[in-house]
C-alpha atoms as a PDB file:
ATOM      1  CA  MET A   1       7.766 -19.142  -9.776  1.00  0.00           C
ATOM      2  CA  ASP A   2      10.175 -17.144  -9.576  1.00  0.00           C
ATOM      3  CA  LEU A   3       9.596 -13.308  -9.321  1.00  0.00           C
ATOM      4  CA  GLY A   4      13.239 -12.418 -10.040  1.00  0.00           C
ATOM      5  CA  LEU A   5      13.414  -9.605  -7.091  1.00  0.00           C
ATOM      6  CA  LEU A   6      16.290 -11.053  -5.790  1.00  0.00           C
ATOM      7  CA  ASN A   7      18.235  -8.420  -3.727  1.00  0.00           C
ATOM      8  CA  LYS A   8      16.100  -5.738  -5.015  1.00  0.00           C
ATOM      9  CA  VAL A   9      15.733  -2.585  -2.977  1.00  0.00           C
ATOM     10  CA  ILE A  10      11.759  -2.069  -2.627  1.00  0.00           C
ATOM     11  CA  ILE A  11      10.156   0.591  -0.277  1.00  0.00           C
ATOM     12  CA  VAL A  12       7.136   0.075   1.252  1.00  0.00           C
ATOM     13  CA  THR A  13       5.624   2.805   3.464  1.00  0.00           C
ATOM     14  CA  GLY A  14       3.570   1.514   6.399  1.00  0.00           C
ATOM     15  CA  GLY A  15       5.820  -1.679   5.713  1.00  0.00           C
ATOM     16  CA  ALA A  16       5.186  -2.601   9.483  1.00  0.00           C
ATOM     17  CA  LYS A  17       1.649  -3.317  10.036  1.00  0.00           C
ATOM     18  CA  GLY A  18      -1.438  -5.052   8.556  1.00  0.00           C
ATOM     19  CA  ILE A  19      -1.186  -5.503   4.341  1.00  0.00           C
ATOM     20  CA  GLY A  20       2.297  -3.404   4.455  1.00  0.00           C
ATOM     21  CA  GLU A  21       4.007  -6.046   6.537  1.00  0.00           C
ATOM     22  CA  GLY A  22       2.543  -9.039   4.860  1.00  0.00           C
ATOM     23  CA  ILE A  23       4.318  -6.959   1.833  1.00  0.00           C
ATOM     24  CA  SER A  24       7.376  -6.688   3.452  1.00  0.00           C
ATOM     25  CA  MET A  25       7.350 -10.221   4.519  1.00  0.00           C
ATOM     26  CA  LYS A  26       6.653 -11.614   0.871  1.00  0.00           C
ATOM     27  CA  LEU A  27       9.211  -9.493  -0.797  1.00  0.00           C
ATOM     28  CA  ALA A  28      11.799 -10.687   1.697  1.00  0.00           C
ATOM     29  CA  LYS A  29      10.393 -14.069   0.985  1.00  0.00           C
ATOM     30  CA  GLU A  30      11.159 -13.688  -2.742  1.00  0.00           C
ATOM     31  CA  GLY A  31      14.897 -12.256  -1.828  1.00  0.00           C
ATOM     32  CA  ALA A  32      14.065  -8.434  -2.211  1.00  0.00           C
ATOM     33  CA  ILE A  33      15.324  -6.167   0.449  1.00  0.00           C
ATOM     34  CA  PRO A  34      11.876  -4.256   1.795  1.00  0.00           C
ATOM     35  CA  VAL A  35      12.618  -0.954   3.030  1.00  0.00           C
ATOM     36  CA  ILE A  36      10.111  -0.188   5.643  1.00  0.00           C
ATOM     37  CA  VAL A  37       9.649   3.619   5.932  1.00  0.00           C
ATOM     38  CA  GLY A  38       6.993   4.459   9.109  1.00  0.00           C
ATOM     39  CA  ARG A  39       6.770   6.676  11.975  1.00  0.00           C
ATOM     40  CA  ASN A  40       7.012   4.028  14.178  1.00  0.00           C
ATOM     41  CA  LYS A  41      10.659   3.079  14.864  1.00  0.00           C
ATOM     42  CA  GLU A  42       9.782   0.272  17.148  1.00  0.00           C
ATOM     43  CA  ASP A  43       7.341  -1.029  14.886  1.00  0.00           C
ATOM     44  CA  ASN A  44       9.528  -1.034  12.055  1.00  0.00           C
ATOM     45  CA  PHE A  45      12.475  -2.815  14.035  1.00  0.00           C
ATOM     46  CA  VAL A  46       9.926  -6.145  14.941  1.00  0.00           C
ATOM     47  CA  VAL A  47       9.099  -6.774  11.557  1.00  0.00           C
ATOM     48  CA  VAL A  48      13.069  -6.163  10.140  1.00  0.00           C
ATOM     49  CA  ASN A  49      13.773  -8.626  12.985  1.00  0.00           C
ATOM     50  CA  LYS A  50      11.205 -11.014  12.046  1.00  0.00           C
ATOM     51  CA  ILE A  51      12.647 -10.917   8.351  1.00  0.00           C
ATOM     52  CA  LYS A  52      16.281 -11.223   9.694  1.00  0.00           C
ATOM     53  CA  SER A  53      14.923 -14.131  11.733  1.00  0.00           C
ATOM     54  CA  HIS A  54      13.641 -16.290   8.908  1.00  0.00           C
ATOM     55  CA  GLY A  55      17.051 -15.401   7.132  1.00  0.00           C
ATOM     56  CA  GLY A  56      15.882 -12.717   4.673  1.00  0.00           C
ATOM     57  CA  LYS A  57      17.172  -8.902   4.622  1.00  0.00           C
ATOM     58  CA  SER A  58      15.450  -5.957   5.701  1.00  0.00           C
ATOM     59  CA  PHE A  59      16.132  -2.291   6.590  1.00  0.00           C
ATOM     60  CA  GLN A  60      13.813   0.347   8.146  1.00  0.00           C
ATOM     61  CA  VAL A  61      13.885   3.810   7.780  1.00  0.00           C
ATOM     62  CA  GLU A  62      11.981   6.338  10.717  1.00  0.00           C
ATOM     63  CA  ALA A  63       9.710   9.100   8.950  1.00  0.00           C
ATOM     64  CA  GLU A  64       7.024  10.880   9.680  1.00  0.00           C
ATOM     65  CA  LEU A  65       5.295  10.864   6.072  1.00  0.00           C
ATOM     66  CA  THR A  66       2.990  13.522   6.371  1.00  0.00           C
ATOM     67  CA  SER A  67       6.263  15.932   6.338  1.00  0.00           C
ATOM     68  CA  ASN A  68       7.752  16.879   2.889  1.00  0.00           C
ATOM     69  CA  ASP A  69      11.132  17.103   4.561  1.00  0.00           C
ATOM     70  CA  GLU A  70      10.926  13.852   6.192  1.00  0.00           C
ATOM     71  CA  CYS A  71       9.749  11.856   2.995  1.00  0.00           C
ATOM     72  CA  LYS A  72      12.620  13.594   1.288  1.00  0.00           C
ATOM     73  CA  LYS A  73      15.317  12.578   4.086  1.00  0.00           C
ATOM     74  CA  ALA A  74      13.751   9.298   4.067  1.00  0.00           C
ATOM     75  CA  VAL A  75      14.623   8.535   0.559  1.00  0.00           C
ATOM     76  CA  ASN A  76      17.583   9.955   0.550  1.00  0.00           C
ATOM     77  CA  TYR A  77      18.794   7.927   3.729  1.00  0.00           C
ATOM     78  CA  ILE A  78      18.275   4.758   1.770  1.00  0.00           C
ATOM     79  CA  ILE A  79      19.861   5.770  -1.492  1.00  0.00           C
ATOM     80  CA  ALA A  80      23.071   6.329   0.751  1.00  0.00           C
ATOM     81  CA  GLU A  81      22.773   2.817   2.498  1.00  0.00           C
ATOM     82  CA  PHE A  82      22.150   1.007  -0.813  1.00  0.00           C
ATOM     83  CA  GLY A  83      22.811   3.079  -3.566  1.00  0.00           C
ATOM     84  CA  ARG A  84      19.799   2.746  -5.488  1.00  0.00           C
ATOM     85  CA  ILE A  85      15.829   1.822  -5.051  1.00  0.00           C
ATOM     86  CA  GLU A  86      14.437  -0.419  -7.927  1.00  0.00           C
ATOM     87  CA  GLY A  87      10.330  -0.172  -6.534  1.00  0.00           C
ATOM     88  CA  LEU A  88       8.389   1.507  -4.460  1.00  0.00           C
ATOM     89  CA  VAL A  89       5.134   0.301  -2.826  1.00  0.00           C
ATOM     90  CA  ASN A  90       3.033   3.304  -1.769  1.00  0.00           C
ATOM     91  CA  ASN A  91       0.897   1.808   1.133  1.00  0.00           C
ATOM     92  CA  ALA A  92       0.853   3.998   4.296  1.00  0.00           C
ATOM     93  CA  GLY A  93      -2.772   5.421   5.436  1.00  0.00           C
ATOM     94  CA  VAL A  94      -5.896   4.894   7.731  1.00  0.00           C
ATOM     95  CA  ASN A  95      -9.745   5.318   7.098  1.00  0.00           C
ATOM     96  CA  ASP A  96      -9.917   7.833   9.772  1.00  0.00           C
ATOM     97  CA  GLY A  97     -13.588   8.625   8.965  1.00  0.00           C
ATOM     98  CA  ILE A  98     -13.482  12.190   7.619  1.00  0.00           C
ATOM     99  CA  GLY A  99     -16.820  13.015   6.970  1.00  0.00           C
ATOM    100  CA  LEU A 100     -18.987  15.746   5.147  1.00  0.00           C
ATOM    101  CA  ALA A 101     -20.673  16.618   8.014  1.00  0.00           C
ATOM    102  CA  SER A 102     -18.579  15.826  10.580  1.00  0.00           C
ATOM    103  CA  GLY A 103     -15.168  17.146   9.391  1.00  0.00           C
ATOM    104  CA  ASP A 104     -13.839  20.484   8.290  1.00  0.00           C
ATOM    105  CA  TYR A 105     -10.733  22.037   6.463  1.00  0.00           C
ATOM    106  CA  GLU A 106      -8.153  20.992   9.241  1.00  0.00           C
ATOM    107  CA  SER A 107      -8.923  17.736   9.105  1.00  0.00           C
ATOM    108  CA  PHE A 108      -9.834  17.008   5.463  1.00  0.00           C
ATOM    109  CA  VAL A 109      -6.567  18.574   4.139  1.00  0.00           C
ATOM    110  CA  ALA A 110      -4.575  16.486   7.248  1.00  0.00           C
ATOM    111  CA  SER A 111      -6.370  13.233   5.918  1.00  0.00           C
ATOM    112  CA  LEU A 112      -4.792  13.929   2.658  1.00  0.00           C
ATOM    113  CA  HIS A 113      -1.575  14.006   3.632  1.00  0.00           C
ATOM    114  CA  LYS A 114      -1.962  11.137   5.616  1.00  0.00           C
ATOM    115  CA  ASN A 115      -3.579   9.320   2.602  1.00  0.00           C
ATOM    116  CA  LEU A 116      -2.374  11.038  -0.371  1.00  0.00           C
ATOM    117  CA  ILE A 117       0.310  13.299  -0.598  1.00  0.00           C
ATOM    118  CA  HIS A 118       2.814  11.444   0.629  1.00  0.00           C
ATOM    119  CA  TYR A 119       2.271   8.814  -2.409  1.00  0.00           C
ATOM    120  CA  PHE A 120       3.436  11.938  -4.765  1.00  0.00           C
ATOM    121  CA  LEU A 121       6.277  12.915  -2.352  1.00  0.00           C
ATOM    122  CA  MET A 122       7.658   9.209  -2.286  1.00  0.00           C
ATOM    123  CA  ALA A 123       7.408   8.951  -5.877  1.00  0.00           C
ATOM    124  CA  HIS A 124       8.625  11.986  -6.613  1.00  0.00           C
ATOM    125  CA  TYR A 125      11.888  11.970  -4.672  1.00  0.00           C
ATOM    126  CA  ALA A 126      12.426   8.160  -5.803  1.00  0.00           C
ATOM    127  CA  LEU A 127      11.843   8.655  -9.146  1.00  0.00           C
ATOM    128  CA  ALA A 128      15.496   9.424 -10.074  1.00  0.00           C
ATOM    129  CA  GLU A 129      16.840   5.878  -9.015  1.00  0.00           C
ATOM    130  CA  LEU A 130      13.742   4.736 -10.055  1.00  0.00           C
ATOM    131  CA  ILE A 131      14.747   5.761 -13.873  1.00  0.00           C
ATOM    132  CA  LYS A 132      18.047   4.264 -13.482  1.00  0.00           C
ATOM    133  CA  SER A 133      16.721   0.801 -12.341  1.00  0.00           C
ATOM    134  CA  LYS A 134      13.752   1.130 -14.546  1.00  0.00           C
ATOM    135  CA  GLY A 135      11.903   0.004 -11.311  1.00  0.00           C
ATOM    136  CA  ALA A 136       8.062  -0.370 -10.378  1.00  0.00           C
ATOM    137  CA  ILE A 137       5.767   1.635  -8.610  1.00  0.00           C
ATOM    138  CA  VAL A 138       2.323  -0.510  -6.665  1.00  0.00           C
ATOM    139  CA  ASN A 139       0.270   1.910  -4.857  1.00  0.00           C
ATOM    140  CA  ILE A 140      -2.221   0.429  -2.711  1.00  0.00           C
ATOM    141  CA  GLY A 141      -6.068   1.439  -3.246  1.00  0.00           C
ATOM    142  CA  SER A 142      -9.360   1.339  -1.465  1.00  0.00           C
ATOM    143  CA  LYS A 143     -12.869   0.789  -2.660  1.00  0.00           C
ATOM    144  CA  THR A 144     -14.004   3.469  -1.271  1.00  0.00           C
ATOM    145  CA  ALA A 145     -13.371   5.046  -4.264  1.00  0.00           C
ATOM    146  CA  GLU A 146     -15.341   3.621  -6.222  1.00  0.00           C
ATOM    147  CA  THR A 147     -18.341   2.556  -4.361  1.00  0.00           C
ATOM    148  CA  GLY A 148     -18.279   5.120  -1.669  1.00  0.00           C
ATOM    149  CA  GLN A 149     -18.710   4.003   2.376  1.00  0.00           C
ATOM    150  CA  GLY A 150     -20.371   7.122   4.169  1.00  0.00           C
ATOM    151  CA  ASN A 151     -18.550   9.657   6.570  1.00  0.00           C
ATOM    152  CA  THR A 152     -15.376   9.010   5.146  1.00  0.00           C
ATOM    153  CA  SER A 153     -15.194  12.196   2.492  1.00  0.00           C
ATOM    154  CA  ALA A 154     -11.029  12.702   2.821  1.00  0.00           C
ATOM    155  CA  TYR A 155     -10.219   9.176   2.493  1.00  0.00           C
ATOM    156  CA  ALA A 156     -12.440   8.198  -0.793  1.00  0.00           C
ATOM    157  CA  ALA A 157     -11.371  11.631  -1.964  1.00  0.00           C
ATOM    158  CA  SER A 158      -7.257  10.138  -1.039  1.00  0.00           C
ATOM    159  CA  ASN A 159      -8.153   6.966  -2.924  1.00  0.00           C
ATOM    160  CA  GLY A 160      -9.481   8.660  -5.680  1.00  0.00           C
ATOM    161  CA  GLY A 161      -6.597  10.562  -6.113  1.00  0.00           C
ATOM    162  CA  ARG A 162      -4.451   7.672  -6.030  1.00  0.00           C
ATOM    163  CA  ASN A 163      -6.476   5.698  -8.831  1.00  0.00           C
ATOM    164  CA  ALA A 164      -6.040   8.665 -10.658  1.00  0.00           C
ATOM    165  CA  LEU A 165      -2.070   9.240  -9.967  1.00  0.00           C
ATOM    166  CA  THR A 166      -1.419   5.235 -10.605  1.00  0.00           C
ATOM    167  CA  ARG A 167      -2.842   5.964 -14.376  1.00  0.00           C
ATOM    168  CA  GLU A 168      -1.411   9.579 -14.808  1.00  0.00           C
ATOM    169  CA  TRP A 169       2.587   8.410 -13.756  1.00  0.00           C
ATOM    170  CA  ALA A 170       1.826   5.256 -15.908  1.00  0.00           C
ATOM    171  CA  VAL A 171       1.908   7.508 -19.038  1.00  0.00           C
ATOM    172  CA  GLU A 172       4.137   9.893 -17.584  1.00  0.00           C
ATOM    173  CA  LEU A 173       6.731   6.994 -17.366  1.00  0.00           C
ATOM    174  CA  LEU A 174       6.107   4.813 -20.103  1.00  0.00           C
ATOM    175  CA  PRO A 175       9.668   6.692 -22.045  1.00  0.00           C
ATOM    176  CA  TYR A 176      11.596   5.022 -19.142  1.00  0.00           C
ATOM    177  CA  ASN A 177       9.823   1.570 -19.283  1.00  0.00           C
ATOM    178  CA  ILE A 178       8.317   2.303 -15.389  1.00  0.00           C
ATOM    179  CA  ARG A 179       5.221   0.124 -14.771  1.00  0.00           C
ATOM    180  CA  VAL A 180       2.948   1.502 -12.263  1.00  0.00           C
ATOM    181  CA  ASN A 181      -0.036  -0.053 -11.114  1.00  0.00           C
ATOM    182  CA  SER A 182      -2.646  -0.149  -7.851  1.00  0.00           C
ATOM    183  CA  VAL A 183      -3.748  -2.877  -6.028  1.00  0.00           C
ATOM    184  CA  ILE A 184      -7.402  -2.146  -4.949  1.00  0.00           C
ATOM    185  CA  VAL A 185      -8.157  -3.624  -1.656  1.00  0.00           C
ATOM    186  CA  SER A 186     -12.003  -4.474  -0.101  1.00  0.00           C
ATOM    187  CA  GLU A 187     -12.016  -6.169   2.962  1.00  0.00           C
ATOM    188  CA  CYS A 188      -9.041  -7.310   4.054  1.00  0.00           C
ATOM    189  CA  TYR A 189      -8.947  -8.056   7.855  1.00  0.00           C
ATOM    190  CA  THR A 190      -5.506  -5.929   9.752  1.00  0.00           C
ATOM    191  CA  PRO A 191      -4.985  -4.998  13.090  1.00  0.00           C
ATOM    192  CA  LEU A 192      -7.030  -1.645  12.517  1.00  0.00           C
ATOM    193  CA  TYR A 193      -9.689  -3.549  11.001  1.00  0.00           C
ATOM    194  CA  ASP A 194      -9.893  -5.756  14.195  1.00  0.00           C
ATOM    195  CA  SER A 195     -10.260  -2.215  16.081  1.00  0.00           C
ATOM    196  CA  TRP A 196     -12.627  -0.974  14.075  1.00  0.00           C
ATOM    197  CA  ILE A 197     -15.064  -4.445  14.312  1.00  0.00           C
ATOM    198  CA  LYS A 198     -14.430  -4.027  18.037  1.00  0.00           C
ATOM    199  CA  THR A 199     -16.192  -0.723  18.062  1.00  0.00           C
ATOM    200  CA  PHE A 200     -19.551  -2.560  17.589  1.00  0.00           C
ATOM    201  CA  THR A 201     -21.728  -4.173  19.896  1.00  0.00           C
ATOM    202  CA  ASP A 202     -21.749  -7.212  18.267  1.00  0.00           C
ATOM    203  CA  PRO A 203     -18.654  -7.564  16.862  1.00  0.00           C
ATOM    204  CA  GLU A 204     -19.124 -11.011  15.488  1.00  0.00           C
ATOM    205  CA  GLY A 205     -22.196 -10.138  13.869  1.00  0.00           C
ATOM    206  CA  LYS A 206     -21.173  -7.212  11.836  1.00  0.00           C
ATOM    207  CA  LEU A 207     -17.987  -8.805  10.853  1.00  0.00           C
ATOM    208  CA  LYS A 208     -20.683 -12.022   9.429  1.00  0.00           C
ATOM    209  CA  SER A 209     -22.980  -9.216   7.783  1.00  0.00           C
ATOM    210  CA  ILE A 210     -19.713  -8.160   5.794  1.00  0.00           C
ATOM    211  CA  THR A 211     -18.242 -11.522   4.887  1.00  0.00           C
ATOM    212  CA  THR A 212     -21.334 -12.747   3.747  1.00  0.00           C
ATOM    213  CA  LYS A 213     -21.203  -9.805   0.928  1.00  0.00           C
ATOM    214  CA  ILE A 214     -17.659 -11.227  -0.322  1.00  0.00           C
ATOM    215  CA  PRO A 215     -18.558 -13.219  -3.628  1.00  0.00           C
ATOM    216  CA  LEU A 216     -15.691 -15.515  -3.415  1.00  0.00           C
ATOM    217  CA  GLY A 217     -15.330 -18.171  -0.326  1.00  0.00           C
ATOM    218  CA  LYS A 218     -17.662 -15.331   1.673  1.00  0.00           C
ATOM    219  CA  ARG A 219     -14.070 -14.472   3.529  1.00  0.00           C
ATOM    220  CA  MET A 220     -11.919 -11.474   3.710  1.00  0.00           C
ATOM    221  CA  THR A 221      -9.212 -10.992   1.757  1.00  0.00           C
ATOM    222  CA  SER A 222      -5.473 -11.607   3.585  1.00  0.00           C
ATOM    223  CA  ALA A 223      -2.634  -9.466   3.523  1.00  0.00           C
ATOM    224  CA  GLU A 224      -0.954 -12.319   1.750  1.00  0.00           C
ATOM    225  CA  GLU A 225      -3.114 -12.524  -1.020  1.00  0.00           C
ATOM    226  CA  ILE A 226      -2.785  -8.662  -1.518  1.00  0.00           C
ATOM    227  CA  ALA A 227       1.402  -9.283  -1.126  1.00  0.00           C
ATOM    228  CA  ASN A 228       1.276 -12.063  -3.661  1.00  0.00           C
ATOM    229  CA  MET A 229      -0.068  -9.481  -6.460  1.00  0.00           C
ATOM    230  CA  VAL A 230       2.083  -6.769  -5.111  1.00  0.00           C
ATOM    231  CA  SER A 231       5.190  -8.839  -5.655  1.00  0.00           C
ATOM    232  CA  PHE A 232       4.233 -10.008  -8.900  1.00  0.00           C
ATOM    233  CA  LEU A 233       3.582  -6.479 -10.021  1.00  0.00           C
ATOM    234  CA  LEU A 234       6.733  -5.435  -8.748  1.00  0.00           C
ATOM    235  CA  SER A 235       8.505  -8.021 -10.931  1.00  0.00           C
ATOM    236  CA  ASP A 236       9.547  -8.584 -14.637  1.00  0.00           C
ATOM    237  CA  CYS A 237       6.704 -11.436 -14.475  1.00  0.00           C
ATOM    238  CA  SER A 238       4.199  -8.448 -15.027  1.00  0.00           C
ATOM    239  CA  SER A 239       6.277  -6.789 -17.734  1.00  0.00           C
ATOM    240  CA  HIS A 240       3.907  -5.745 -19.728  1.00  0.00           C
ATOM    241  CA  THR A 241       1.371  -4.436 -17.621  1.00  0.00           C
ATOM    242  CA  THR A 242       1.023  -0.870 -16.312  1.00  0.00           C
ATOM    243  CA  GLY A 243      -1.591   1.455 -15.529  1.00  0.00           C
ATOM    244  CA  GLN A 244      -3.972  -1.110 -13.948  1.00  0.00           C
ATOM    245  CA  LEU A 245      -6.264  -1.003 -10.976  1.00  0.00           C
ATOM    246  CA  ILE A 246      -6.335  -4.418  -9.531  1.00  0.00           C
ATOM    247  CA  HIS A 247      -8.682  -5.675  -7.204  1.00  0.00           C
ATOM    248  CA  VAL A 248      -7.828  -8.007  -5.011  1.00  0.00           C
ATOM    249  CA  ASP A 249     -11.390  -8.795  -3.110  1.00  0.00           C
ATOM    250  CA  GLY A 250     -12.809 -11.944  -3.710  1.00  0.00           C
ATOM    251  CA  GLY A 251     -15.249  -9.985  -6.114  1.00  0.00           C
ATOM    252  CA  TYR A 252     -16.533  -7.618  -3.817  1.00  0.00           C
ATOM    253  CA  VAL A 253     -16.765  -4.345  -6.204  1.00  0.00           C
ATOM    254  CA  HIS A 254     -17.759  -6.227  -9.405  1.00  0.00           C
ATOM    255  CA  LEU A 255     -19.510  -9.158  -8.958  1.00  0.00           C
ATOM    256  CA  ASP A 256     -23.488  -8.785  -7.405  1.00  0.00           C
ATOM    257  CA  ARG A 257     -23.445  -9.328  -3.912  1.00  0.00           C
ATOM    258  CA  ASN A 258     -26.252 -11.492  -4.095  1.00  0.00           C
ATOM    259  CA  LEU A 259     -24.454 -14.139  -5.457  1.00  0.00           C
END
């Protein structure tokens, strides 16, 4: 299927690692120009160069997304470079384990900046260009907002906020034909996930205990599968889809895990 993304400039925050890298690679494969925004320039360039080595186009902007000023500068830099923005994928974030008992004011607020506030800032600063292009926004979310997880109050709250912003923006941006959707992730194997699994005394056993609870195929979701849905939602192939929280999770959240 031709998604019609050729030469569309699409921002991908955290687009150099894990799910973000998968999204960047898929968008480039579809002919889009993924603009990777993240704090580590070296990591950004690894993916940019990988895309270019396969004949695609990409660009990177080094930015600390917890900073309002850097979010604004990043968007302005992209506008200066390309003169347009046709899509935004809010993806950057980390499950940082700030719990109710273990956290405090400072760590809770810092986690909100890492996981939620820059979603608003990037959309706010890109909005004028998205209005011009009738672009689309896709927010990446996590099951933690719906299922809970334990010892991750700030991350769960951030993802609840992401879901709420998705619905709110879908309403606010209706007059501009800007569609806003969210892809909700449950269990997707990434480098960060791998690091977490390895903290257990029996990593293989822990991983098996998780995958056996995923109804479809008893396996993890891949970054590519997340990226496929994100690309579809950014394209005109989903031209009448907005305000949706779409779970790409093998049925993890909504199906009986005893299946």
